[in-house]
C-alpha cells in the first residue's frame, strides 16, 4: 500500500463524471497507482485512476498533506467519507 486518501467532497461534473475531492493522509499517490475504495471497512471496488489533479492541473503524483481531485476509470458511486487505498501492482520477473 502506497497511500491512504480521504474523500472529503464529491463533485459531479457534466461531460467529465464524478470527481472525488481528496486529502492524502498518508504516503503519496501516483497517477499510475491503482485504488481500492473502502467504505465502512469494506472494500467496494478496485479501479485505476482516470485523472489526478491539483486545482486545474493534471499531475503525476500528489504527496501526503495535499488535496487533489481523483476520478476513476469505471467506478463512479463515490461518497464523502470513503477512503481510497492506493497500491502499485508489482510485476515479478524470474
N, C-alpha and C. Protein backbone atom coordinates (compact mmCIF):
# COMPACT_ATOMS: atom_id res chain seq x y z
N UNK A 1 0.85 -1.20 0.00
CA UNK A 1 0.00 0.00 0.00
C UNK A 1 0.88 1.24 0.00
N UNK A 2 0.58 2.18 -0.88
CA UNK A 2 1.43 3.36 -1.01
C UNK A 2 0.82 4.61 -0.42
N UNK A 3 -0.52 4.67 -0.33
CA UNK A 3 -1.13 5.89 0.19
C UNK A 3 -2.53 5.61 0.75
N UNK A 4 -2.90 6.45 1.72
CA UNK A 4 -4.27 6.44 2.23
C UNK A 4 -4.86 7.81 1.92
N UNK A 5 -6.05 7.80 1.33
CA UNK A 5 -6.63 9.03 0.79
C UNK A 5 -8.07 9.14 1.28
N UNK A 6 -8.38 10.30 1.85
CA UNK A 6 -9.73 10.53 2.37
C UNK A 6 -10.56 11.28 1.33
N UNK A 7 -11.77 10.82 1.09
CA UNK A 7 -12.66 11.55 0.19
C UNK A 7 -13.44 12.57 1.02
N UNK A 8 -13.26 13.85 0.72
CA UNK A 8 -13.90 14.90 1.52
C UNK A 8 -15.08 15.55 0.79
N UNK A 9 -15.04 15.58 -0.51
CA UNK A 9 -16.14 16.12 -1.31
C UNK A 9 -16.30 15.28 -2.54
N UNK A 10 -17.50 15.29 -3.08
CA UNK A 10 -17.72 14.60 -4.35
C UNK A 10 -18.38 15.58 -5.30
N UNK A 11 -17.81 15.74 -6.47
CA UNK A 11 -18.35 16.66 -7.47
C UNK A 11 -18.81 15.87 -8.67
N UNK A 12 -20.02 16.18 -9.12
CA UNK A 12 -20.50 15.58 -10.37
C UNK A 12 -20.36 16.67 -11.44
N UNK A 13 -19.54 16.40 -12.43
CA UNK A 13 -19.28 17.41 -13.45
C UNK A 13 -19.74 16.87 -14.79
N UNK A 14 -20.60 17.62 -15.46
CA UNK A 14 -21.10 17.13 -16.74
C UNK A 14 -19.96 16.98 -17.73
N UNK A 15 -20.04 15.97 -18.57
CA UNK A 15 -19.02 15.62 -19.56
C UNK A 15 -17.74 15.05 -18.95
N UNK A 16 -17.63 15.08 -17.64
CA UNK A 16 -16.42 14.57 -17.01
C UNK A 16 -16.76 13.37 -16.13
N UNK A 17 -17.86 13.50 -15.37
CA UNK A 17 -18.23 12.42 -14.47
C UNK A 17 -18.00 12.81 -13.03
N UNK A 18 -17.72 11.83 -12.21
CA UNK A 18 -17.58 12.05 -10.77
C UNK A 18 -16.12 12.29 -10.41
N UNK A 19 -15.89 13.42 -9.73
CA UNK A 19 -14.55 13.73 -9.24
C UNK A 19 -14.60 13.69 -7.72
N UNK A 20 -13.68 12.95 -7.12
CA UNK A 20 -13.59 12.91 -5.66
C UNK A 20 -12.58 13.96 -5.22
N UNK A 21 -13.03 14.87 -4.36
CA UNK A 21 -12.12 15.84 -3.76
C UNK A 21 -11.47 15.17 -2.57
N UNK A 22 -10.16 14.96 -2.65
CA UNK A 22 -9.49 14.09 -1.70
C UNK A 22 -8.39 14.80 -0.93
N UNK A 23 -8.05 14.20 0.21
CA UNK A 23 -6.93 14.66 1.03
C UNK A 23 -6.03 13.45 1.28
N UNK A 24 -4.74 13.60 0.98
CA UNK A 24 -3.81 12.48 1.17
C UNK A 24 -3.37 12.47 2.64
N UNK A 25 -3.82 11.46 3.39
CA UNK A 25 -3.50 11.44 4.82
C UNK A 25 -2.17 10.74 5.09
N UNK A 26 -1.72 9.94 4.13
CA UNK A 26 -0.55 9.13 4.38
C UNK A 26 0.07 8.69 3.05
N UNK A 27 1.38 8.83 2.92
CA UNK A 27 2.05 8.37 1.70
C UNK A 27 1.89 9.33 0.54
N UNK A 28 2.07 8.81 -0.66
CA UNK A 28 1.83 9.65 -1.84
C UNK A 28 1.21 8.80 -2.93
N UNK A 29 0.36 9.46 -3.73
CA UNK A 29 -0.34 8.72 -4.77
C UNK A 29 0.18 9.14 -6.13
N UNK A 30 0.47 8.14 -6.94
CA UNK A 30 0.94 8.39 -8.30
C UNK A 30 -0.20 8.13 -9.27
N UNK A 31 -0.14 8.80 -10.39
CA UNK A 31 -1.16 8.68 -11.43
C UNK A 31 -1.32 7.22 -11.88
N UNK A 32 -0.23 6.47 -11.79
CA UNK A 32 -0.23 5.09 -12.29
C UNK A 32 -0.73 4.08 -11.26
N UNK A 33 -0.95 4.54 -10.03
CA UNK A 33 -1.37 3.62 -8.97
C UNK A 33 -2.79 3.13 -9.21
N UNK A 34 -3.09 2.00 -8.59
CA UNK A 34 -4.47 1.53 -8.60
C UNK A 34 -5.07 1.84 -7.24
N UNK A 35 -6.39 1.98 -7.21
CA UNK A 35 -7.04 2.33 -5.95
C UNK A 35 -8.03 1.26 -5.54
N UNK A 36 -8.08 1.04 -4.23
CA UNK A 36 -9.17 0.29 -3.61
C UNK A 36 -10.07 1.30 -2.96
N UNK A 37 -11.38 1.16 -3.15
CA UNK A 37 -12.30 2.06 -2.46
C UNK A 37 -12.85 1.31 -1.25
N UNK A 38 -12.62 1.88 -0.06
CA UNK A 38 -13.06 1.26 1.18
C UNK A 38 -14.15 2.12 1.82
N UNK A 39 -15.28 1.49 2.12
CA UNK A 39 -16.40 2.19 2.75
C UNK A 39 -16.82 1.40 3.97
N UNK A 40 -16.79 2.05 5.13
CA UNK A 40 -17.14 1.38 6.39
C UNK A 40 -16.33 0.09 6.57
N UNK A 41 -15.06 0.14 6.21
CA UNK A 41 -14.20 -1.01 6.42
C UNK A 41 -14.32 -2.11 5.38
N UNK A 42 -15.17 -1.91 4.38
CA UNK A 42 -15.38 -2.93 3.35
C UNK A 42 -14.84 -2.43 2.02
N UNK A 43 -14.09 -3.29 1.34
CA UNK A 43 -13.57 -2.91 0.01
C UNK A 43 -14.72 -3.01 -0.99
N UNK A 44 -15.09 -1.87 -1.58
CA UNK A 44 -16.20 -1.81 -2.53
C UNK A 44 -15.73 -2.16 -3.94
N UNK A 45 -14.57 -1.64 -4.31
CA UNK A 45 -14.08 -1.92 -5.65
C UNK A 45 -12.59 -1.65 -5.74
N UNK A 46 -12.00 -2.13 -6.83
CA UNK A 46 -10.65 -1.74 -7.19
C UNK A 46 -10.74 -1.14 -8.58
N UNK A 47 -10.01 -0.05 -8.79
CA UNK A 47 -10.08 0.62 -10.07
C UNK A 47 -8.77 1.33 -10.33
N UNK A 48 -8.65 1.85 -11.55
CA UNK A 48 -7.47 2.64 -11.90
C UNK A 48 -7.85 4.11 -11.86
N UNK A 49 -6.85 4.95 -11.67
CA UNK A 49 -7.06 6.40 -11.68
C UNK A 49 -7.22 6.86 -13.12
N UNK A 50 -8.30 7.57 -13.39
CA UNK A 50 -8.51 8.13 -14.72
C UNK A 50 -7.83 9.50 -14.80
N UNK A 51 -8.05 10.33 -13.78
CA UNK A 51 -7.30 11.60 -13.74
C UNK A 51 -6.96 11.97 -12.31
N UNK A 52 -5.80 12.60 -12.18
CA UNK A 52 -5.28 13.05 -10.89
C UNK A 52 -4.94 14.51 -11.06
N UNK A 53 -5.59 15.37 -10.25
CA UNK A 53 -5.42 16.81 -10.46
C UNK A 53 -5.14 17.55 -9.17
N UNK A 54 -4.32 18.60 -9.30
CA UNK A 54 -4.18 19.60 -8.25
C UNK A 54 -4.74 20.87 -8.84
N UNK A 55 -5.81 21.38 -8.27
CA UNK A 55 -6.52 22.52 -8.85
C UNK A 55 -6.88 22.18 -10.29
N UNK A 56 -6.42 22.94 -11.26
CA UNK A 56 -6.81 22.64 -12.64
C UNK A 56 -5.76 21.83 -13.40
N UNK A 57 -4.65 21.55 -12.73
CA UNK A 57 -3.54 20.90 -13.43
C UNK A 57 -3.55 19.39 -13.28
N UNK A 58 -3.31 18.69 -14.37
CA UNK A 58 -3.08 17.26 -14.29
C UNK A 58 -1.67 17.05 -13.72
N UNK A 59 -1.55 16.17 -12.74
CA UNK A 59 -0.25 15.94 -12.14
C UNK A 59 0.08 14.45 -12.15
N UNK A 60 1.37 14.16 -11.99
CA UNK A 60 1.81 12.75 -11.98
C UNK A 60 1.67 12.13 -10.60
N UNK A 61 1.86 12.95 -9.55
CA UNK A 61 1.67 12.43 -8.20
C UNK A 61 1.34 13.54 -7.23
N UNK A 62 0.74 13.13 -6.10
CA UNK A 62 0.39 14.09 -5.05
C UNK A 62 0.87 13.49 -3.73
N UNK A 63 1.51 14.33 -2.91
CA UNK A 63 2.12 13.85 -1.66
C UNK A 63 1.19 14.05 -0.47
N UNK A 64 1.58 13.40 0.62
CA UNK A 64 0.86 13.49 1.89
C UNK A 64 0.66 14.94 2.32
N UNK A 65 -0.54 15.25 2.85
CA UNK A 65 -0.81 16.59 3.35
C UNK A 65 -1.39 17.52 2.30
N UNK A 66 -1.51 17.04 1.07
CA UNK A 66 -2.08 17.86 0.00
C UNK A 66 -3.46 17.36 -0.41
N UNK A 67 -4.21 18.26 -1.01
CA UNK A 67 -5.52 17.89 -1.54
C UNK A 67 -5.40 17.66 -3.04
N UNK A 68 -6.29 16.85 -3.58
CA UNK A 68 -6.28 16.61 -5.01
C UNK A 68 -7.66 16.13 -5.46
N UNK A 69 -7.85 16.13 -6.75
CA UNK A 69 -9.09 15.60 -7.31
C UNK A 69 -8.77 14.31 -8.05
N UNK A 70 -9.56 13.27 -7.77
CA UNK A 70 -9.32 11.99 -8.41
C UNK A 70 -10.60 11.52 -9.08
N UNK A 71 -10.48 11.09 -10.33
CA UNK A 71 -11.61 10.39 -10.94
C UNK A 71 -11.13 9.00 -11.32
N UNK A 72 -12.05 8.04 -11.22
CA UNK A 72 -11.72 6.66 -11.50
C UNK A 72 -12.16 6.29 -12.91
N UNK A 73 -11.55 5.25 -13.47
CA UNK A 73 -11.88 4.84 -14.84
C UNK A 73 -13.31 4.33 -14.96
N UNK A 74 -13.71 3.43 -14.04
CA UNK A 74 -15.01 2.79 -14.21
C UNK A 74 -16.02 3.13 -13.13
N UNK A 75 -15.55 3.24 -11.89
CA UNK A 75 -16.47 3.34 -10.76
C UNK A 75 -16.81 4.79 -10.48
N UNK A 76 -18.09 5.09 -10.30
CA UNK A 76 -18.49 6.49 -10.10
C UNK A 76 -19.29 6.72 -8.82
N UNK A 77 -19.67 5.65 -8.13
CA UNK A 77 -20.52 5.80 -6.94
C UNK A 77 -19.69 6.10 -5.70
N UNK A 78 -18.98 7.23 -5.75
CA UNK A 78 -18.10 7.61 -4.66
C UNK A 78 -18.88 8.48 -3.68
N UNK A 79 -18.66 8.29 -2.38
CA UNK A 79 -19.37 9.08 -1.37
C UNK A 79 -18.37 9.75 -0.44
N UNK A 80 -18.81 10.89 0.13
CA UNK A 80 -17.97 11.54 1.14
C UNK A 80 -17.71 10.57 2.27
N UNK A 81 -16.49 10.56 2.77
CA UNK A 81 -16.16 9.66 3.87
C UNK A 81 -15.56 8.34 3.40
N UNK A 82 -15.61 8.09 2.08
CA UNK A 82 -14.93 6.90 1.56
C UNK A 82 -13.42 7.07 1.72
N UNK A 83 -12.73 5.97 1.71
CA UNK A 83 -11.27 6.01 1.77
C UNK A 83 -10.73 5.27 0.56
N UNK A 84 -9.77 5.89 -0.11
CA UNK A 84 -9.06 5.20 -1.19
C UNK A 84 -7.75 4.68 -0.61
N UNK A 85 -7.41 3.45 -0.94
CA UNK A 85 -6.08 2.95 -0.64
C UNK A 85 -5.38 2.77 -1.97
N UNK A 86 -4.27 3.48 -2.13
CA UNK A 86 -3.53 3.37 -3.39
C UNK A 86 -2.49 2.28 -3.26
N UNK A 87 -2.36 1.52 -4.32
CA UNK A 87 -1.33 0.48 -4.32
C UNK A 87 -0.78 0.35 -5.72
N UNK A 88 0.37 -0.26 -5.83
CA UNK A 88 1.01 -0.44 -7.13
C UNK A 88 1.16 -1.94 -7.36
N UNK A 89 0.70 -2.39 -8.50
CA UNK A 89 0.87 -3.79 -8.85
C UNK A 89 2.32 -4.01 -9.24
N UNK A 90 3.01 -4.84 -8.48
CA UNK A 90 4.41 -5.14 -8.79
C UNK A 90 4.44 -6.24 -9.84
N UNK A 91 5.31 -6.09 -10.78
CA UNK A 91 5.50 -7.18 -11.74
C UNK A 91 6.69 -7.99 -11.28
N UNK A 92 6.46 -9.25 -11.09
CA UNK A 92 7.58 -10.11 -10.67
C UNK A 92 8.21 -10.73 -11.90
N UNK A 93 9.53 -10.66 -11.94
CA UNK A 93 10.26 -11.29 -13.05
C UNK A 93 11.17 -12.34 -12.46
N UNK A 94 11.24 -13.48 -13.11
CA UNK A 94 12.14 -14.53 -12.62
C UNK A 94 13.58 -14.22 -12.98
